[in-house]
Amino acid sequence: MPYINLQITRGATREQKRAIVAGFTETLARVLDKKPEHTHIVIQEIDEQDWGFCGMLTDEWRAAAQSNVDRDAE
């Protein structure tokens, strides 16, 4: 029984999640010959303030990155 636990930051739409589940299920069936009816996928959404990236909280990192883009556009 394949089990995938996917953690992402919040913001994915229901349709995007549906596509992720379908894609992972298809890949496991094609590559490992796993039955789709035995495949379980859990998507956990994490607030950006609760996810660290590059030594920073993700919301702060994204704000800094956007600030750099805005500065470069001037």
Protein backbone atom coordinates (compact mmCIF):
# COMPACT_ATOMS: atom_id res chain seq x y z
CA MET A 1 0.00 0.00 0.00
CA PRO A 2 1.80 3.16 -1.16
CA TYR A 3 1.42 6.17 1.11
CA ILE A 4 2.59 9.66 0.17
CA ASN A 5 2.58 12.53 2.65
CA LEU A 6 3.05 15.78 0.75
CA GLN A 7 3.61 18.99 2.66
CA ILE A 8 3.20 22.30 0.84
CA THR A 9 2.66 25.90 1.84
CA ARG A 10 -0.96 27.04 1.75
CA GLY A 11 -2.48 28.32 -1.44
CA ALA A 12 -3.02 25.37 -3.78
CA THR A 13 -6.48 25.23 -5.30
CA ARG A 14 -8.69 22.16 -5.09
CA GLU A 15 -8.06 21.56 -8.81
CA GLN A 16 -4.29 21.70 -8.29
CA LYS A 17 -4.56 19.21 -5.42
CA ARG A 18 -6.73 16.96 -7.58
CA ALA A 19 -4.05 17.06 -10.31
CA ILE A 20 -1.30 16.24 -7.78
CA VAL A 21 -3.22 13.23 -6.45
CA ALA A 22 -3.98 11.99 -9.97
CA GLY A 23 -0.40 12.49 -11.11
CA PHE A 24 1.20 10.75 -8.14
CA THR A 25 -1.27 7.88 -8.38
CA GLU A 26 -0.61 7.45 -12.11
CA THR A 27 3.16 7.55 -11.56
CA LEU A 28 3.06 4.88 -8.86
CA ALA A 29 0.86 2.69 -11.07
CA ARG A 30 3.10 3.14 -14.13
CA VAL A 31 6.52 2.97 -12.49
CA LEU A 32 5.92 0.55 -9.61
CA ASP A 33 2.83 -1.29 -10.87
CA LYS A 34 0.88 -0.21 -7.76
CA LYS A 35 -2.89 -0.41 -7.80
CA PRO A 36 -4.58 3.01 -7.65
CA GLU A 37 -7.17 1.67 -5.20
CA HIS A 38 -4.34 0.89 -2.77
CA THR A 39 -2.61 4.29 -3.08
CA HIS A 40 -3.08 6.87 -0.33
CA ILE A 41 -1.97 10.49 -0.63
CA VAL A 42 -2.21 13.08 2.14
CA ILE A 43 -1.68 16.75 1.37
CA GLN A 44 -0.83 18.88 4.38
CA GLU A 45 -0.85 22.64 3.95
CA ILE A 46 1.50 24.60 6.16
CA ASP A 47 1.26 28.34 6.81
CA GLU A 48 4.21 30.21 5.31
CA GLN A 49 5.03 31.58 8.75
CA ASP A 50 5.47 27.98 9.93
CA TRP A 51 7.84 26.92 7.14
CA GLY A 52 11.53 27.79 7.07
CA PHE A 53 13.50 28.24 3.89
CA CYS A 54 16.99 29.55 3.23
CA GLY A 55 17.46 30.45 6.90
CA MET A 56 14.25 32.50 7.01
CA LEU A 57 10.54 31.98 7.50
CA THR A 58 9.00 31.51 4.06
CA ASP A 59 6.67 34.52 4.31
CA GLU A 60 9.66 36.76 5.14
CA TRP A 61 11.79 35.19 2.40
CA ARG A 62 9.05 35.78 -0.20
CA ALA A 63 8.59 39.37 0.97
CA ALA A 64 12.34 39.98 0.65
CA ALA A 65 12.42 38.34 -2.79
CA GLN A 66 9.50 40.49 -3.96
CA SER A 67 11.24 43.58 -2.61
CA ASN A 68 14.31 42.70 -4.71
CA VAL A 69 12.14 42.22 -7.82
CA ASP A 70 10.43 45.56 -7.21
CA ARG A 71 13.80 47.29 -6.68
CA ASP A 72 15.20 45.77 -9.89
CA ALA A 73 12.14 46.96 -11.85
CA GLU A 74 12.72 50.59 -10.90
